[in-house]
Amino acid sequence: MEFSKLFITILLIIICINQLSVSAQSDNLFREYIGAEFKNVKLSDVPIRSDVEFHFILSFAIDYTSSSSPTNGKFNIYWDTDNLNPNHISEIKAKHANVKIGLSLGGDTVGNGQYVYFQPSSVDSWVSNAVSSLTDIIKEYNLDGIDIDYEHFHADDGTFAECIGKLISTLKKNEVISFASIAPFDDDQVQSHYQALWNSYGNVIDYVNFQFYAYDEGTTVNQFLNYFEEQRSNYNGGKILASFISDGSGGLSPQNGFFSACNRLRKQGKLGGIFVWCADDSKALGFRYEKQSQALLASGGHY
């Protein structure tokens, strides 16, 4: 009897230690968008540390036809399939157990300069079409999650919230995806749509990939930290990721204090991870900042 009690006590201690370990590593998430710019970047080109959680985000799946007409939720692939196909995904997952792969919906343009608009015919028809078409793509490519990156809208806040919220909820309920993220930025129309979604369906959204690089080029560390606090308030309770753009065209750059800001956020327990736009541009830099980002995340905030 005493042995049984001792065994149970030891087992409980082990469980607690494991839970603490998972908690301590819950913010070591690194994410990278890939494939939108067709620069022949492969998943295997990107350095991947084994001690971080690593997400690739294929960019983009768009509910438009190849002739750039909207389809009311019937999604098609617009990323570089020559270098990012199901075989490539199987290979990278077999090599790296810590890698998951999602796809991003929408984006800025269809690829010819025409804006991608969110414009459903109705909530029910759009959700039905989106669930069906995305389930097919996700299963074919063996993907793990979706990211929402619509940036232009021909629908009101409530319609966007219901369509996207029901899409995520259904895909999760059907066990098609294990995570979902949103990718807003500081624009009044964009924020009103995403905050409506967050207020109604924040419980099914796992990460907020806030586009901090959409702020002005030359953003300072203090400005960045203020922006981060503002978005923590806008998406209260969300896992907010810090972000930079590879070409340095906006926001706080890695050269000007991005990693210093991330360290401060990490030590305060506020950093949900780091994401980069995008691998297509980072290849020319030898992925130097991807390496630094993962080193910081793996170090526990003492990089």
C-alpha atoms as a PDB file:
ATOM      1  CA  MET A   1       0.000   0.000   0.000  1.00  0.00           C
ATOM      2  CA  GLU A   2       2.811   2.416   0.928  1.00  0.00           C
ATOM      3  CA  PHE A   3       4.627   1.522  -2.305  1.00  0.00           C
ATOM      4  CA  SER A   4       1.466   2.332  -4.269  1.00  0.00           C
ATOM      5  CA  LYS A   5       1.221   5.779  -2.632  1.00  0.00           C
ATOM      6  CA  LEU A   6       4.888   6.441  -3.310  1.00  0.00           C
ATOM      7  CA  PHE A   7       4.492   5.416  -6.940  1.00  0.00           C
ATOM      8  CA  ILE A   8       1.497   7.738  -7.382  1.00  0.00           C
ATOM      9  CA  THR A   9       3.394  10.607  -5.739  1.00  0.00           C
ATOM     10  CA  ILE A  10       6.400  10.129  -8.027  1.00  0.00           C
ATOM     11  CA  LEU A  11       4.108   9.918 -11.067  1.00  0.00           C
ATOM     12  CA  LEU A  12       2.391  13.190 -10.117  1.00  0.00           C
ATOM     13  CA  ILE A  13       5.763  14.895  -9.686  1.00  0.00           C
ATOM     14  CA  ILE A  14       6.862  13.714 -13.149  1.00  0.00           C
ATOM     15  CA  ILE A  15       3.615  15.004 -14.685  1.00  0.00           C
ATOM     16  CA  CYS A  16       4.081  18.397 -12.998  1.00  0.00           C
ATOM     17  CA  ILE A  17       7.680  18.645 -14.229  1.00  0.00           C
ATOM     18  CA  ASN A  18       6.566  17.817 -17.780  1.00  0.00           C
ATOM     19  CA  GLN A  19       3.817  20.421 -17.628  1.00  0.00           C
ATOM     20  CA  LEU A  20       6.275  23.040 -16.408  1.00  0.00           C
ATOM     21  CA  SER A  21       8.654  22.131 -19.220  1.00  0.00           C
ATOM     22  CA  VAL A  22       5.900  22.470 -21.842  1.00  0.00           C
ATOM     23  CA  SER A  23       4.883  25.807 -20.333  1.00  0.00           C
ATOM     24  CA  ALA A  24       8.446  27.067 -20.366  1.00  0.00           C
ATOM     25  CA  GLN A  25       8.757  26.183 -24.054  1.00  0.00           C
ATOM     26  CA  SER A  26       5.313  27.447 -25.089  1.00  0.00           C
ATOM     27  CA  ASP A  27       6.703  30.650 -26.608  1.00  0.00           C
ATOM     28  CA  ASN A  28       9.532  29.168 -28.682  1.00  0.00           C
ATOM     29  CA  LEU A  29       7.447  29.315 -31.858  1.00  0.00           C
ATOM     30  CA  PHE A  30       9.085  30.378 -35.115  1.00  0.00           C
ATOM     31  CA  ARG A  31       6.996  30.832 -38.275  1.00  0.00           C
ATOM     32  CA  GLU A  32       7.952  31.711 -41.841  1.00  0.00           C
ATOM     33  CA  TYR A  33       5.824  32.527 -44.872  1.00  0.00           C
ATOM     34  CA  ILE A  34       7.069  30.926 -48.073  1.00  0.00           C
ATOM     35  CA  GLY A  35       6.205  30.584 -51.746  1.00  0.00           C
ATOM     36  CA  ALA A  36       4.373  33.785 -52.663  1.00  0.00           C
ATOM     37  CA  GLU A  37       7.163  35.362 -54.693  1.00  0.00           C
ATOM     38  CA  PHE A  38       8.184  32.365 -56.804  1.00  0.00           C
ATOM     39  CA  LYS A  39      11.913  32.710 -56.152  1.00  0.00           C
ATOM     40  CA  ASN A  40      12.574  28.965 -56.190  1.00  0.00           C
ATOM     41  CA  VAL A  41      12.889  28.695 -52.412  1.00  0.00           C
ATOM     42  CA  LYS A  42      12.569  25.188 -51.035  1.00  0.00           C
ATOM     43  CA  LEU A  43      11.570  24.121 -47.543  1.00  0.00           C
ATOM     44  CA  SER A  44      14.943  22.410 -47.241  1.00  0.00           C
ATOM     45  CA  ASP A  45      16.742  25.722 -47.928  1.00  0.00           C
ATOM     46  CA  VAL A  46      15.557  27.201 -44.636  1.00  0.00           C
ATOM     47  CA  PRO A  47      17.620  26.406 -41.494  1.00  0.00           C
ATOM     48  CA  ILE A  48      15.546  24.590 -38.869  1.00  0.00           C
ATOM     49  CA  ARG A  49      16.612  24.135 -35.250  1.00  0.00           C
ATOM     50  CA  SER A  50      15.326  21.068 -33.463  1.00  0.00           C
ATOM     51  CA  ASP A  51      14.703  22.960 -30.205  1.00  0.00           C
ATOM     52  CA  VAL A  52      12.024  25.335 -31.500  1.00  0.00           C
ATOM     53  CA  GLU A  53       8.497  24.789 -32.745  1.00  0.00           C
ATOM     54  CA  PHE A  54       8.716  25.579 -36.449  1.00  0.00           C
ATOM     55  CA  HIS A  55       5.817  26.468 -38.763  1.00  0.00           C
ATOM     56  CA  PHE A  56       6.063  27.052 -42.499  1.00  0.00           C
ATOM     57  CA  ILE A  57       3.103  28.978 -43.936  1.00  0.00           C
ATOM     58  CA  LEU A  58       2.469  28.395 -47.630  1.00  0.00           C
ATOM     59  CA  SER A  59       1.384  31.607 -49.337  1.00  0.00           C
ATOM     60  CA  PHE A  60      -1.292  31.747 -50.625  1.00  0.00           C
ATOM     61  CA  ALA A  61      -4.519  29.856 -51.175  1.00  0.00           C
ATOM     62  CA  ILE A  62      -7.053  32.247 -52.726  1.00  0.00           C
ATOM     63  CA  ASP A  63     -10.735  31.867 -53.548  1.00  0.00           C
ATOM     64  CA  TYR A  64     -10.196  33.169 -57.059  1.00  0.00           C
ATOM     65  CA  THR A  65      -9.919  31.383 -60.407  1.00  0.00           C
ATOM     66  CA  SER A  66      -6.717  31.291 -62.440  1.00  0.00           C
ATOM     67  CA  SER A  67      -8.201  34.130 -64.504  1.00  0.00           C
ATOM     68  CA  SER A  68      -8.521  36.259 -61.338  1.00  0.00           C
ATOM     69  CA  SER A  69     -12.268  35.998 -60.797  1.00  0.00           C
ATOM     70  CA  PRO A  70     -13.678  35.489 -57.270  1.00  0.00           C
ATOM     71  CA  THR A  71     -15.226  32.089 -56.523  1.00  0.00           C
ATOM     72  CA  ASN A  72     -17.141  32.540 -53.240  1.00  0.00           C
ATOM     73  CA  GLY A  73     -14.976  30.270 -51.107  1.00  0.00           C
ATOM     74  CA  LYS A  74     -13.677  27.789 -53.683  1.00  0.00           C
ATOM     75  CA  PHE A  75      -9.949  28.016 -52.953  1.00  0.00           C
ATOM     76  CA  ASN A  76      -7.124  27.442 -55.400  1.00  0.00           C
ATOM     77  CA  ILE A  77      -3.371  27.242 -54.855  1.00  0.00           C
ATOM     78  CA  TYR A  78      -1.328  30.329 -55.718  1.00  0.00           C
ATOM     79  CA  TRP A  79       2.029  29.390 -54.172  1.00  0.00           C
ATOM     80  CA  ASP A  80       5.126  28.012 -55.912  1.00  0.00           C
ATOM     81  CA  THR A  81       4.067  24.383 -56.368  1.00  0.00           C
ATOM     82  CA  ASP A  82       7.231  23.512 -58.304  1.00  0.00           C
ATOM     83  CA  ASN A  83       9.190  23.834 -55.061  1.00  0.00           C
ATOM     84  CA  LEU A  84       6.419  23.373 -52.494  1.00  0.00           C
ATOM     85  CA  ASN A  85       4.473  20.237 -53.350  1.00  0.00           C
ATOM     86  CA  PRO A  86       3.199  17.301 -51.245  1.00  0.00           C
ATOM     87  CA  ASN A  87       6.431  15.350 -51.712  1.00  0.00           C
ATOM     88  CA  HIS A  88       8.529  18.243 -50.427  1.00  0.00           C
ATOM     89  CA  ILE A  89       6.253  18.530 -47.409  1.00  0.00           C
ATOM     90  CA  SER A  90       6.493  14.818 -46.624  1.00  0.00           C
ATOM     91  CA  GLU A  91      10.272  14.982 -46.879  1.00  0.00           C
ATOM     92  CA  ILE A  92      10.699  17.981 -44.551  1.00  0.00           C
ATOM     93  CA  LYS A  93       8.306  16.514 -41.963  1.00  0.00           C
ATOM     94  CA  ALA A  94      10.116  13.186 -42.032  1.00  0.00           C
ATOM     95  CA  LYS A  95      13.420  14.950 -41.442  1.00  0.00           C
ATOM     96  CA  HIS A  96      12.213  17.414 -38.786  1.00  0.00           C
ATOM     97  CA  ALA A  97       9.674  16.187 -36.225  1.00  0.00           C
ATOM     98  CA  ASN A  98       9.196  19.749 -34.925  1.00  0.00           C
ATOM     99  CA  VAL A  99       7.948  21.131 -38.255  1.00  0.00           C
ATOM    100  CA  LYS A 100       4.294  21.838 -38.985  1.00  0.00           C
ATOM    101  CA  ILE A 101       2.975  23.412 -42.148  1.00  0.00           C
ATOM    102  CA  GLY A 102      -0.024  25.619 -42.735  1.00  0.00           C
ATOM    103  CA  LEU A 103      -1.456  27.602 -45.607  1.00  0.00           C
ATOM    104  CA  SER A 104      -2.411  31.252 -45.631  1.00  0.00           C
ATOM    105  CA  LEU A 105      -5.668  32.504 -47.124  1.00  0.00           C
ATOM    106  CA  GLY A 106      -5.978  35.677 -49.134  1.00  0.00           C
ATOM    107  CA  GLY A 107      -2.962  37.927 -49.163  1.00  0.00           C
ATOM    108  CA  ASP A 108      -2.687  41.316 -50.818  1.00  0.00           C
ATOM    109  CA  THR A 109      -2.995  40.590 -54.530  1.00  0.00           C
ATOM    110  CA  VAL A 110      -3.797  37.708 -56.845  1.00  0.00           C
ATOM    111  CA  GLY A 111      -0.333  38.080 -58.339  1.00  0.00           C
ATOM    112  CA  ASN A 112      -1.060  40.416 -61.216  1.00  0.00           C
ATOM    113  CA  GLY A 113      -1.517  43.492 -59.042  1.00  0.00           C
ATOM    114  CA  GLN A 114      -5.258  42.924 -58.612  1.00  0.00           C
ATOM    115  CA  TYR A 115      -6.343  43.053 -54.982  1.00  0.00           C
ATOM    116  CA  VAL A 116      -7.725  39.921 -53.347  1.00  0.00           C
ATOM    117  CA  TYR A 117     -11.104  40.870 -51.890  1.00  0.00           C
ATOM    118  CA  PHE A 118     -13.055  38.996 -49.273  1.00  0.00           C
ATOM    119  CA  GLN A 119     -16.499  39.021 -50.904  1.00  0.00           C
ATOM    120  CA  PRO A 120     -18.791  36.116 -49.991  1.00  0.00           C
ATOM    121  CA  SER A 121     -22.183  35.706 -51.615  1.00  0.00           C
ATOM    122  CA  SER A 122     -23.543  34.579 -48.253  1.00  0.00           C
ATOM    123  CA  VAL A 123     -22.112  33.231 -45.012  1.00  0.00           C
ATOM    124  CA  ASP A 124     -23.490  29.719 -45.509  1.00  0.00           C
ATOM    125  CA  SER A 125     -22.451  29.309 -49.154  1.00  0.00           C
ATOM    126  CA  TRP A 126     -18.963  30.719 -48.594  1.00  0.00           C
ATOM    127  CA  VAL A 127     -18.325  28.536 -45.527  1.00  0.00           C
ATOM    128  CA  SER A 128     -19.606  25.425 -47.293  1.00  0.00           C
ATOM    129  CA  ASN A 129     -17.388  26.020 -50.332  1.00  0.00           C
ATOM    130  CA  ALA A 130     -14.369  26.985 -48.210  1.00  0.00           C
ATOM    131  CA  VAL A 131     -14.611  23.942 -45.934  1.00  0.00           C
ATOM    132  CA  SER A 132     -14.868  21.615 -48.935  1.00  0.00           C
ATOM    133  CA  SER A 133     -12.102  23.140 -51.077  1.00  0.00           C
ATOM    134  CA  LEU A 134      -9.658  23.707 -48.220  1.00  0.00           C
ATOM    135  CA  THR A 135     -10.188  20.228 -46.796  1.00  0.00           C
ATOM    136  CA  ASP A 136      -9.172  18.796 -50.157  1.00  0.00           C
ATOM    137  CA  ILE A 137      -6.012  20.939 -50.335  1.00  0.00           C
ATOM    138  CA  ILE A 138      -5.040  20.343 -46.702  1.00  0.00           C
ATOM    139  CA  LYS A 139      -5.404  16.570 -47.028  1.00  0.00           C
ATOM    140  CA  GLU A 140      -3.555  16.430 -50.357  1.00  0.00           C
ATOM    141  CA  TYR A 141      -0.625  18.429 -48.961  1.00  0.00           C
ATOM    142  CA  ASN A 142      -0.709  16.913 -45.443  1.00  0.00           C
ATOM    143  CA  LEU A 143      -1.007  20.335 -43.823  1.00  0.00           C
ATOM    144  CA  ASP A 144      -1.621  21.162 -40.178  1.00  0.00           C
ATOM    145  CA  GLY A 145      -3.310  24.551 -40.025  1.00  0.00           C
ATOM    146  CA  ILE A 146      -4.506  27.730 -41.690  1.00  0.00           C
ATOM    147  CA  ASP A 147      -3.627  31.400 -41.461  1.00  0.00           C
ATOM    148  CA  ILE A 148      -6.047  34.205 -42.320  1.00  0.00           C
ATOM    149  CA  ASP A 149      -4.469  37.083 -44.261  1.00  0.00           C
ATOM    150  CA  TYR A 150      -7.308  38.837 -46.084  1.00  0.00           C
ATOM    151  CA  GLU A 151      -6.387  42.509 -46.425  1.00  0.00           C
ATOM    152  CA  HIS A 152      -9.184  43.940 -48.626  1.00  0.00           C
ATOM    153  CA  PHE A 153     -12.904  43.601 -48.060  1.00  0.00           C
ATOM    154  CA  HIS A 154     -16.205  43.756 -49.911  1.00  0.00           C
ATOM    155  CA  ALA A 155     -18.056  42.565 -46.816  1.00  0.00           C
ATOM    156  CA  ASP A 156     -18.827  44.072 -43.411  1.00  0.00           C
ATOM    157  CA  ASP A 157     -17.119  43.162 -40.152  1.00  0.00           C
ATOM    158  CA  GLY A 158     -19.844  40.813 -38.970  1.00  0.00           C
ATOM    159  CA  THR A 159     -19.935  38.810 -42.200  1.00  0.00           C
ATOM    160  CA  PHE A 160     -16.152  38.391 -42.137  1.00  0.00           C
ATOM    161  CA  ALA A 161     -16.260  37.291 -38.497  1.00  0.00           C
ATOM    162  CA  GLU A 162     -18.980  34.710 -39.111  1.00  0.00           C
ATOM    163  CA  CYS A 163     -17.444  33.296 -42.302  1.00  0.00           C
ATOM    164  CA  ILE A 164     -13.913  32.947 -40.959  1.00  0.00           C
ATOM    165  CA  GLY A 165     -14.993  31.932 -37.465  1.00  0.00           C
ATOM    166  CA  LYS A 166     -17.270  29.179 -38.769  1.00  0.00           C
ATOM    167  CA  LEU A 167     -14.592  28.029 -41.225  1.00  0.00           C
ATOM    168  CA  ILE A 168     -11.972  27.634 -38.497  1.00  0.00           C
ATOM    169  CA  SER A 169     -14.439  26.055 -36.077  1.00  0.00           C
ATOM    170  CA  THR A 170     -15.616  23.510 -38.659  1.00  0.00           C
ATOM    171  CA  LEU A 171     -12.114  22.547 -39.803  1.00  0.00           C
ATOM    172  CA  LYS A 172     -11.072  22.041 -36.180  1.00  0.00           C
ATOM    173  CA  LYS A 173     -14.232  20.103 -35.328  1.00  0.00           C
ATOM    174  CA  ASN A 174     -13.611  17.865 -38.345  1.00  0.00           C
ATOM    175  CA  GLU A 175      -9.983  17.417 -37.182  1.00  0.00           C
ATOM    176  CA  VAL A 176      -8.724  18.728 -40.523  1.00  0.00           C
ATOM    177  CA  ILE A 177      -6.486  21.326 -38.814  1.00  0.00           C
ATOM    178  CA  SER A 178      -4.826  21.596 -35.412  1.00  0.00           C
ATOM    179  CA  PHE A 179      -4.111  25.344 -35.395  1.00  0.00           C
ATOM    180  CA  ALA A 180      -5.313  28.620 -36.861  1.00  0.00           C
ATOM    181  CA  SER A 181      -3.819  32.093 -36.940  1.00  0.00           C
ATOM    182  CA  ILE A 182      -4.768  35.565 -38.140  1.00  0.00           C
ATOM    183  CA  ALA A 183      -2.480  38.158 -39.739  1.00  0.00           C
ATOM    184  CA  PRO A 184      -3.871  41.674 -39.242  1.00  0.00           C
ATOM    185  CA  PHE A 185      -2.001  44.977 -39.441  1.00  0.00           C
ATOM    186  CA  ASP A 186      -2.546  48.555 -38.329  1.00  0.00           C
ATOM    187  CA  ASP A 187      -5.215  49.787 -40.726  1.00  0.00           C
ATOM    188  CA  ASP A 188      -8.655  50.901 -39.579  1.00  0.00           C
ATOM    189  CA  GLN A 189     -10.640  48.673 -41.939  1.00  0.00           C
ATOM    190  CA  VAL A 190      -8.376  45.680 -41.419  1.00  0.00           C
ATOM    191  CA  GLN A 191      -8.439  46.046 -37.644  1.00  0.00           C
ATOM    192  CA  SER A 192     -12.215  46.440 -37.466  1.00  0.00           C
ATOM    193  CA  HIS A 193     -12.705  43.185 -39.385  1.00  0.00           C
ATOM    194  CA  TYR A 194     -10.146  41.168 -37.427  1.00  0.00           C
ATOM    195  CA  GLN A 195     -11.198  42.514 -34.043  1.00  0.00           C
ATOM    196  CA  ALA A 196     -14.798  41.576 -34.814  1.00  0.00           C
ATOM    197  CA  LEU A 197     -13.538  38.085 -35.635  1.00  0.00           C
ATOM    198  CA  TRP A 198     -11.444  38.002 -32.467  1.00  0.00           C
ATOM    199  CA  ASN A 199     -14.318  39.178 -30.270  1.00  0.00           C
ATOM    200  CA  SER A 200     -16.633  36.455 -31.595  1.00  0.00           C
ATOM    201  CA  TYR A 201     -14.228  33.576 -32.280  1.00  0.00           C
ATOM    202  CA  GLY A 202     -10.994  34.310 -30.423  1.00  0.00           C
ATOM    203  CA  ASN A 203     -11.347  30.978 -28.629  1.00  0.00           C
ATOM    204  CA  VAL A 204     -10.570  29.045 -31.843  1.00  0.00           C
ATOM    205  CA  ILE A 205      -7.645  31.266 -32.949  1.00  0.00           C
ATOM    206  CA  ASP A 206      -4.277  30.052 -31.688  1.00  0.00           C
ATOM    207  CA  TYR A 207      -1.848  32.770 -32.867  1.00  0.00           C
ATOM    208  CA  VAL A 208      -1.911  36.414 -33.905  1.00  0.00           C
ATOM    209  CA  ASN A 209       0.676  36.991 -36.652  1.00  0.00           C
ATOM    210  CA  PHE A 210       0.495  40.741 -36.357  1.00  0.00           C
ATOM    211  CA  GLN A 211       2.266  42.453 -39.259  1.00  0.00           C
ATOM    212  CA  PHE A 212       4.467  44.839 -37.256  1.00  0.00           C
ATOM    213  CA  TYR A 213       6.526  45.425 -40.410  1.00  0.00           C
ATOM    214  CA  ALA A 214       3.556  47.331 -41.859  1.00  0.00           C
ATOM    215  CA  TYR A 215       4.485  50.212 -39.547  1.00  0.00           C
ATOM    216  CA  ASP A 216       6.875  52.815 -40.907  1.00  0.00           C
ATOM    217  CA  GLU A 217      10.402  51.902 -41.883  1.00  0.00           C
ATOM    218  CA  GLY A 218      12.758  53.119 -39.185  1.00  0.00           C
ATOM    219  CA  THR A 219      10.492  52.142 -36.290  1.00  0.00           C
ATOM    220  CA  THR A 220      12.463  52.352 -33.022  1.00  0.00           C
ATOM    221  CA  VAL A 221      12.608  49.757 -30.260  1.00  0.00           C
ATOM    222  CA  ASN A 222      10.440  51.858 -27.954  1.00  0.00           C
ATOM    223  CA  GLN A 223       7.895  52.481 -30.695  1.00  0.00           C
ATOM    224  CA  PHE A 224       7.793  48.770 -31.461  1.00  0.00           C
ATOM    225  CA  LEU A 225       7.233  47.899 -27.810  1.00  0.00           C
ATOM    226  CA  ASN A 226       4.394  50.425 -27.651  1.00  0.00           C
ATOM    227  CA  TYR A 227       2.833  48.958 -30.786  1.00  0.00           C
ATOM    228  CA  PHE A 228       3.144  45.487 -29.282  1.00  0.00           C
ATOM    229  CA  GLU A 229       1.320  46.588 -26.124  1.00  0.00           C
ATOM    230  CA  GLU A 230      -1.421  48.160 -28.214  1.00  0.00           C
ATOM    231  CA  GLN A 231      -2.004  44.930 -30.114  1.00  0.00           C
ATOM    232  CA  ARG A 232      -1.935  42.872 -26.922  1.00  0.00           C
ATOM    233  CA  SER A 233      -4.847  45.049 -25.843  1.00  0.00           C
ATOM    234  CA  ASN A 234      -6.659  44.770 -29.182  1.00  0.00           C
ATOM    235  CA  TYR A 235      -6.315  40.969 -29.170  1.00  0.00           C
ATOM    236  CA  ASN A 236      -6.613  40.482 -25.435  1.00  0.00           C
ATOM    237  CA  GLY A 237      -5.504  37.039 -24.310  1.00  0.00           C
ATOM    238  CA  GLY A 238      -4.033  36.191 -27.704  1.00  0.00           C
ATOM    239  CA  LYS A 239      -0.605  34.746 -28.422  1.00  0.00           C
ATOM    240  CA  ILE A 240       0.964  37.733 -30.198  1.00  0.00           C
ATOM    241  CA  LEU A 241       4.016  37.071 -32.373  1.00  0.00           C
ATOM    242  CA  ALA A 242       6.671  39.673 -33.147  1.00  0.00           C
ATOM    243  CA  SER A 243       7.555  40.049 -36.813  1.00  0.00           C
ATOM    244  CA  PHE A 244       9.946  41.554 -39.321  1.00  0.00           C
ATOM    245  CA  ILE A 245      10.186  41.728 -43.100  1.00  0.00           C
ATOM    246  CA  SER A 246      13.259  40.269 -44.789  1.00  0.00           C
ATOM    247  CA  ASP A 247      13.847  43.152 -47.181  1.00  0.00           C
ATOM    248  CA  GLY A 248      13.814  45.744 -44.374  1.00  0.00           C
ATOM    249  CA  SER A 249      11.145  47.847 -46.068  1.00  0.00           C
ATOM    250  CA  GLY A 250       9.093  48.503 -42.931  1.00  0.00           C
ATOM    251  CA  GLY A 251       8.832  48.289 -39.165  1.00  0.00           C
ATOM    252  CA  LEU A 252      11.644  47.539 -36.718  1.00  0.00           C
ATOM    253  CA  SER A 253      14.445  45.771 -38.593  1.00  0.00           C
ATOM    254  CA  PRO A 254      16.808  43.103 -37.247  1.00  0.00           C
ATOM    255  CA  GLN A 255      19.681  45.555 -37.793  1.00  0.00           C
ATOM    256  CA  ASN A 256      18.066  48.252 -35.634  1.00  0.00           C
ATOM    257  CA  GLY A 257      16.992  46.433 -32.493  1.00  0.00           C
ATOM    258  CA  PHE A 258      14.353  43.841 -33.332  1.00  0.00           C
ATOM    259  CA  PHE A 259      16.083  41.133 -31.323  1.00  0.00           C
ATOM    260  CA  SER A 260      16.646  43.483 -28.406  1.00  0.00           C
ATOM    261  CA  ALA A 261      12.920  44.226 -28.349  1.00  0.00           C
ATOM    262  CA  CYS A 262      12.095  40.506 -28.527  1.00  0.00           C
ATOM    263  CA  ASN A 263      14.415  39.785 -25.619  1.00  0.00           C
ATOM    264  CA  ARG A 264      12.626  42.365 -23.499  1.00  0.00           C
ATOM    265  CA  LEU A 265       9.235  40.949 -24.413  1.00  0.00           C
ATOM    266  CA  ARG A 266      10.422  37.401 -23.751  1.00  0.00           C
ATOM    267  CA  LYS A 267      11.707  38.272 -20.274  1.00  0.00           C
ATOM    268  CA  GLN A 268       8.340  39.899 -19.516  1.00  0.00           C
ATOM    269  CA  GLY A 269       6.480  36.763 -20.619  1.00  0.00           C
ATOM    270  CA  LYS A 270       4.746  38.589 -23.483  1.00  0.00           C
ATOM    271  CA  LEU A 271       6.399  37.159 -26.588  1.00  0.00           C
ATOM    272  CA  GLY A 272       4.300  34.512 -28.304  1.00  0.00           C
ATOM    273  CA  GLY A 273       6.988  33.780 -30.877  1.00  0.00           C
ATOM    274  CA  ILE A 274       8.514  35.310 -34.015  1.00  0.00           C
ATOM    275  CA  PHE A 275       7.462  35.169 -37.636  1.00  0.00           C
ATOM    276  CA  VAL A 276       9.095  36.380 -40.838  1.00  0.00           C
ATOM    277  CA  TRP A 277       7.847  37.644 -44.168  1.00  0.00           C
ATOM    278  CA  CYS A 278       9.320  35.906 -46.071  1.00  0.00           C
ATOM    279  CA  ALA A 279      11.635  33.012 -46.975  1.00  0.00           C
ATOM    280  CA  ASP A 280      11.542  34.024 -50.640  1.00  0.00           C
ATOM    281  CA  ASP A 281      13.483  37.212 -49.820  1.00  0.00           C
ATOM    282  CA  SER A 282      15.523  35.782 -46.943  1.00  0.00           C
ATOM    283  CA  LYS A 283      17.297  33.306 -49.203  1.00  0.00           C
ATOM    284  CA  ALA A 284      19.454  36.092 -50.670  1.00  0.00           C
ATOM    285  CA  LEU A 285      20.597  36.942 -47.115  1.00  0.00           C
ATOM    286  CA  GLY A 286      21.508  33.349 -46.283  1.00  0.00           C
ATOM    287  CA  PHE A 287      18.631  33.229 -43.781  1.00  0.00           C
ATOM    288  CA  ARG A 288      20.856  34.987 -41.248  1.00  0.00           C
ATOM    289  CA  TYR A 289      17.945  36.510 -39.336  1.00  0.00           C
ATOM    290  CA  GLU A 290      16.011  33.251 -39.284  1.00  0.00           C
ATOM    291  CA  LYS A 291      19.024  31.740 -37.542  1.00  0.00           C
ATOM    292  CA  GLN A 292      19.154  34.607 -35.024  1.00  0.00           C
ATOM    293  CA  SER A 293      15.417  34.399 -34.377  1.00  0.00           C
ATOM    294  CA  GLN A 294      15.515  30.695 -33.619  1.00  0.00           C
ATOM    295  CA  ALA A 295      18.620  31.103 -31.450  1.00  0.00           C
ATOM    296  CA  LEU A 296      16.795  33.693 -29.359  1.00  0.00           C
ATOM    297  CA  LEU A 297      13.685  31.550 -29.011  1.00  0.00           C
ATOM    298  CA  ALA A 298      15.684  28.449 -28.100  1.00  0.00           C
ATOM    299  CA  SER A 299      17.758  30.324 -25.518  1.00  0.00           C
ATOM    300  CA  GLY A 300      14.872  31.250 -23.250  1.00  0.00           C
ATOM    301  CA  GLY A 301      15.173  34.963 -23.943  1.00  0.00           C
ATOM    302  CA  HIS A 302      18.845  35.414 -23.082  1.00  0.00           C
ATOM    303  CA  TYR A 303      20.234  35.586 -26.601  1.00  0.00           C
END
